[in-house]
Amino acid sequence: MTQASWAQQETDRFFGDRTSPSQMQCNEIARAISGASIVGPVDSPGSMSYTVVCNGCSGQYHDVVVSFREPCAVLNSEMVRLAKAIHGGLVPESTCHGTMEGADPPLLIYSMPYLRGSSYINVLSFQVEMNPGEEAKHLTFIKNLAQ
């Protein structure tokens, strides 16, 4: 028997701690919200959310991200607005679809266009030589993104 990937273990832990919904139910809701033909989990799941990429969507965007988030991990709309003002197109518009009915514990549902590229966590695996000044600028940039 093969061991589940880290991502699947994290997803199993997220759903193992709750009465409802199931992963399959979240996938179906994501499909209904996005109109996607294919729904699959993201490569790097969060510990307080279940997030999927919906491909082949029928709406304005061909690919959409749908995130089911615990109340302690809500997307602060003012922070998103500020991040968008600072970083422009690097920050997608997000739509809150409200609290998922019957979720125990509660989950808020968000959707946003899928932005192609590499996530910062994946970029971290590459080793780059930087002088102290460049490294300080890089750390400041990352801290500003995180805020």
C-alpha atoms as a PDB file:
ATOM      1  CA  MET A   1       0.000   0.000   0.000  1.00  0.00           C
ATOM      2  CA  THR A   2       1.406   3.401  -0.976  1.00  0.00           C
ATOM      3  CA  GLN A   3       1.392   6.304   1.425  1.00  0.00           C
ATOM      4  CA  ALA A   4      -0.803   9.269   0.507  1.00  0.00           C
ATOM      5  CA  SER A   5       0.975  12.427  -0.615  1.00  0.00           C
ATOM      6  CA  TRP A   6       1.479  15.283   1.830  1.00  0.00           C
ATOM      7  CA  ALA A   7      -1.255  17.236   0.013  1.00  0.00           C
ATOM      8  CA  GLN A   8      -3.738  14.361   0.311  1.00  0.00           C
ATOM      9  CA  GLN A   9      -2.842  13.829   3.975  1.00  0.00           C
ATOM     10  CA  GLU A  10      -3.530  17.519   4.649  1.00  0.00           C
ATOM     11  CA  THR A  11      -6.843  17.306   2.776  1.00  0.00           C
ATOM     12  CA  ASP A  12      -7.820  14.149   4.691  1.00  0.00           C
ATOM     13  CA  ARG A  13      -6.992  15.905   7.977  1.00  0.00           C
ATOM     14  CA  PHE A  14      -9.126  18.916   7.003  1.00  0.00           C
ATOM     15  CA  PHE A  15     -12.175  16.756   6.271  1.00  0.00           C
ATOM     16  CA  GLY A  16     -11.486  14.298   9.099  1.00  0.00           C
ATOM     17  CA  ASP A  17     -12.037  17.069  11.657  1.00  0.00           C
ATOM     18  CA  ARG A  18     -15.539  17.914  10.435  1.00  0.00           C
ATOM     19  CA  THR A  19     -18.987  16.340  10.412  1.00  0.00           C
ATOM     20  CA  SER A  20     -19.901  17.778   7.013  1.00  0.00           C
ATOM     21  CA  PRO A  21     -19.360  18.463   4.146  1.00  0.00           C
ATOM     22  CA  SER A  22     -17.304  15.760   2.475  1.00  0.00           C
ATOM     23  CA  GLN A  23     -14.567  16.448  -0.063  1.00  0.00           C
ATOM     24  CA  MET A  24     -16.899  15.161  -2.791  1.00  0.00           C
ATOM     25  CA  GLN A  25     -19.663  17.556  -1.695  1.00  0.00           C
ATOM     26  CA  CYS A  26     -17.230  20.492  -1.827  1.00  0.00           C
ATOM     27  CA  ASN A  27     -16.121  19.427  -5.310  1.00  0.00           C
ATOM     28  CA  GLU A  28     -19.755  19.341  -6.484  1.00  0.00           C
ATOM     29  CA  ILE A  29     -20.452  22.799  -5.040  1.00  0.00           C
ATOM     30  CA  ALA A  30     -17.293  24.134  -6.716  1.00  0.00           C
ATOM     31  CA  ARG A  31     -18.471  22.620 -10.015  1.00  0.00           C
ATOM     32  CA  ALA A  32     -21.898  24.264  -9.584  1.00  0.00           C
ATOM     33  CA  ILE A  33     -20.394  27.680  -8.755  1.00  0.00           C
ATOM     34  CA  SER A  34     -17.839  27.644 -11.573  1.00  0.00           C
ATOM     35  CA  GLY A  35     -19.591  25.657 -14.286  1.00  0.00           C
ATOM     36  CA  ALA A  36     -16.361  23.653 -14.639  1.00  0.00           C
ATOM     37  CA  SER A  37     -16.005  20.318 -16.361  1.00  0.00           C
ATOM     38  CA  ILE A  38     -13.001  19.314 -14.191  1.00  0.00           C
ATOM     39  CA  VAL A  39     -12.450  20.015 -10.469  1.00  0.00           C
ATOM     40  CA  GLY A  40      -9.282  19.047  -8.605  1.00  0.00           C
ATOM     41  CA  PRO A  41      -7.468  20.055  -5.411  1.00  0.00           C
ATOM     42  CA  VAL A  42      -4.598  22.534  -5.508  1.00  0.00           C
ATOM     43  CA  ASP A  43      -1.038  21.197  -5.215  1.00  0.00           C
ATOM     44  CA  SER A  44      -0.335  22.980  -1.907  1.00  0.00           C
ATOM     45  CA  PRO A  45      -3.402  22.878   0.363  1.00  0.00           C
ATOM     46  CA  GLY A  46      -3.848  25.180   3.326  1.00  0.00           C
ATOM     47  CA  SER A  47      -4.435  23.931   6.846  1.00  0.00           C
ATOM     48  CA  MET A  48      -7.621  25.981   7.331  1.00  0.00           C
ATOM     49  CA  SER A  49      -9.165  25.621   3.884  1.00  0.00           C
ATOM     50  CA  TYR A  50      -9.927  23.225   1.066  1.00  0.00           C
ATOM     51  CA  THR A  51      -9.168  24.817  -2.289  1.00  0.00           C
ATOM     52  CA  VAL A  52      -9.784  23.443  -5.763  1.00  0.00           C
ATOM     53  CA  VAL A  53      -8.942  24.508  -9.304  1.00  0.00           C
ATOM     54  CA  CYS A  54     -11.930  24.327 -11.631  1.00  0.00           C
ATOM     55  CA  ASN A  55     -10.956  23.848 -15.293  1.00  0.00           C
ATOM     56  CA  GLY A  56     -13.112  24.297 -18.368  1.00  0.00           C
ATOM     57  CA  CYS A  57     -15.458  26.828 -16.784  1.00  0.00           C
ATOM     58  CA  SER A  58     -18.360  28.175 -18.778  1.00  0.00           C
ATOM     59  CA  GLY A  59     -18.165  31.741 -17.455  1.00  0.00           C
ATOM     60  CA  GLN A  60     -15.886  34.723 -18.026  1.00  0.00           C
ATOM     61  CA  TYR A  61     -12.782  32.832 -16.866  1.00  0.00           C
ATOM     62  CA  HIS A  62     -11.693  29.463 -18.270  1.00  0.00           C
ATOM     63  CA  ASP A  63     -10.155  28.397 -14.933  1.00  0.00           C
ATOM     64  CA  VAL A  64     -11.409  29.373 -11.474  1.00  0.00           C
ATOM     65  CA  VAL A  65     -10.242  28.691  -7.914  1.00  0.00           C
ATOM     66  CA  VAL A  66     -12.909  27.881  -5.323  1.00  0.00           C
ATOM     67  CA  SER A  67     -11.899  27.912  -1.663  1.00  0.00           C
ATOM     68  CA  PHE A  68     -13.852  26.556   1.308  1.00  0.00           C
ATOM     69  CA  ARG A  69     -12.447  28.413   4.311  1.00  0.00           C
ATOM     70  CA  GLU A  70     -12.869  28.109   8.063  1.00  0.00           C
ATOM     71  CA  PRO A  71     -14.182  31.288   9.773  1.00  0.00           C
ATOM     72  CA  CYS A  72     -10.728  32.048  11.214  1.00  0.00           C
ATOM     73  CA  ALA A  73      -9.356  32.147   7.641  1.00  0.00           C
ATOM     74  CA  VAL A  74     -11.836  34.492   5.959  1.00  0.00           C
ATOM     75  CA  LEU A  75     -10.560  36.702   3.174  1.00  0.00           C
ATOM     76  CA  ASN A  76     -10.569  40.259   4.502  1.00  0.00           C
ATOM     77  CA  SER A  77     -12.143  42.276   1.671  1.00  0.00           C
ATOM     78  CA  GLU A  78     -10.387  45.481   2.750  1.00  0.00           C
ATOM     79  CA  MET A  79      -7.014  43.693   2.735  1.00  0.00           C
ATOM     80  CA  VAL A  80      -7.757  42.237  -0.725  1.00  0.00           C
ATOM     81  CA  ARG A  81      -8.676  45.724  -1.978  1.00  0.00           C
ATOM     82  CA  LEU A  82      -5.450  47.167  -0.557  1.00  0.00           C
ATOM     83  CA  ALA A  83      -3.342  44.322  -1.989  1.00  0.00           C
ATOM     84  CA  LYS A  84      -4.967  44.870  -5.397  1.00  0.00           C
ATOM     85  CA  ALA A  85      -4.215  48.607  -5.203  1.00  0.00           C
ATOM     86  CA  ILE A  86      -0.557  47.861  -4.430  1.00  0.00           C
ATOM     87  CA  HIS A  87       0.099  44.782  -6.573  1.00  0.00           C
ATOM     88  CA  GLY A  88      -2.483  45.212  -9.348  1.00  0.00           C
ATOM     89  CA  GLY A  89      -3.028  42.173 -11.549  1.00  0.00           C
ATOM     90  CA  LEU A  90      -1.047  39.896  -9.227  1.00  0.00           C
ATOM     91  CA  VAL A  91      -4.078  39.880  -6.913  1.00  0.00           C
ATOM     92  CA  PRO A  92      -7.256  38.317  -8.346  1.00  0.00           C
ATOM     93  CA  GLU A  93     -10.739  39.635  -7.651  1.00  0.00           C
ATOM     94  CA  SER A  94     -12.504  37.401  -5.153  1.00  0.00           C
ATOM     95  CA  THR A  95     -16.203  36.711  -4.694  1.00  0.00           C
ATOM     96  CA  CYS A  96     -17.686  35.518  -1.406  1.00  0.00           C
ATOM     97  CA  HIS A  97     -20.559  33.062  -1.912  1.00  0.00           C
ATOM     98  CA  GLY A  98     -21.500  33.075   1.770  1.00  0.00           C
ATOM     99  CA  THR A  99     -21.455  30.346   4.384  1.00  0.00           C
ATOM    100  CA  MET A 100     -21.952  26.781   3.204  1.00  0.00           C
ATOM    101  CA  GLU A 101     -25.312  25.476   4.362  1.00  0.00           C
ATOM    102  CA  GLY A 102     -25.031  22.529   6.743  1.00  0.00           C
ATOM    103  CA  ALA A 103     -21.246  22.737   7.119  1.00  0.00           C
ATOM    104  CA  ASP A 104     -20.101  21.650  10.578  1.00  0.00           C
ATOM    105  CA  PRO A 105     -17.934  23.468  11.503  1.00  0.00           C
ATOM    106  CA  PRO A 106     -18.948  26.379   9.229  1.00  0.00           C
ATOM    107  CA  LEU A 107     -17.156  27.066   5.935  1.00  0.00           C
ATOM    108  CA  LEU A 108     -17.187  30.227   3.856  1.00  0.00           C
ATOM    109  CA  ILE A 109     -16.988  29.817   0.087  1.00  0.00           C
ATOM    110  CA  TYR A 110     -14.893  32.095  -2.135  1.00  0.00           C
ATOM    111  CA  SER A 111     -14.109  32.003  -5.840  1.00  0.00           C
ATOM    112  CA  MET A 112     -11.562  33.862  -7.923  1.00  0.00           C
ATOM    113  CA  PRO A 113      -9.915  33.600 -11.330  1.00  0.00           C
ATOM    114  CA  TYR A 114      -7.011  31.155 -11.440  1.00  0.00           C
ATOM    115  CA  LEU A 115      -3.742  32.988 -12.038  1.00  0.00           C
ATOM    116  CA  ARG A 116      -1.147  30.886 -13.819  1.00  0.00           C
ATOM    117  CA  GLY A 117       2.421  30.808 -12.569  1.00  0.00           C
ATOM    118  CA  SER A 118       4.478  29.446  -9.716  1.00  0.00           C
ATOM    119  CA  SER A 119       3.414  29.818  -6.123  1.00  0.00           C
ATOM    120  CA  TYR A 120       5.932  31.294  -3.725  1.00  0.00           C
ATOM    121  CA  ILE A 121       6.119  28.049  -1.749  1.00  0.00           C
ATOM    122  CA  ASN A 122       7.208  26.209  -4.913  1.00  0.00           C
ATOM    123  CA  VAL A 123       9.788  28.864  -5.745  1.00  0.00           C
ATOM    124  CA  LEU A 124      11.326  28.441  -2.274  1.00  0.00           C
ATOM    125  CA  SER A 125      12.701  25.058  -3.317  1.00  0.00           C
ATOM    126  CA  PHE A 126      15.219  26.767  -5.625  1.00  0.00           C
ATOM    127  CA  GLN A 127      18.542  27.931  -4.199  1.00  0.00           C
ATOM    128  CA  VAL A 128      19.609  31.394  -5.316  1.00  0.00           C
ATOM    129  CA  GLU A 129      22.774  33.162  -4.221  1.00  0.00           C
ATOM    130  CA  MET A 130      22.095  36.739  -3.055  1.00  0.00           C
ATOM    131  CA  ASN A 131      24.269  39.328  -1.440  1.00  0.00           C
ATOM    132  CA  PRO A 132      23.002  40.669   1.934  1.00  0.00           C
ATOM    133  CA  GLY A 133      21.445  43.763   0.336  1.00  0.00           C
ATOM    134  CA  GLU A 134      19.507  41.736  -2.243  1.00  0.00           C
ATOM    135  CA  GLU A 135      18.391  39.294   0.436  1.00  0.00           C
ATOM    136  CA  ALA A 136      17.118  42.138   2.648  1.00  0.00           C
ATOM    137  CA  LYS A 137      15.114  43.580  -0.284  1.00  0.00           C
ATOM    138  CA  HIS A 138      13.702  40.118  -1.047  1.00  0.00           C
ATOM    139  CA  LEU A 139      12.623  39.558   2.571  1.00  0.00           C
ATOM    140  CA  THR A 140      11.000  43.007   2.715  1.00  0.00           C
ATOM    141  CA  PHE A 141       9.108  42.245  -0.504  1.00  0.00           C
ATOM    142  CA  ILE A 142       7.842  38.905   0.839  1.00  0.00           C
ATOM    143  CA  LYS A 143       6.784  40.462   4.161  1.00  0.00           C
ATOM    144  CA  ASN A 144       4.876  43.163   2.271  1.00  0.00           C
ATOM    145  CA  LEU A 145       3.131  40.526   0.129  1.00  0.00           C
ATOM    146  CA  ALA A 146       2.163  38.580   3.239  1.00  0.00           C
ATOM    147  CA  GLN A 147       0.564  41.599   4.865  1.00  0.00           C
END
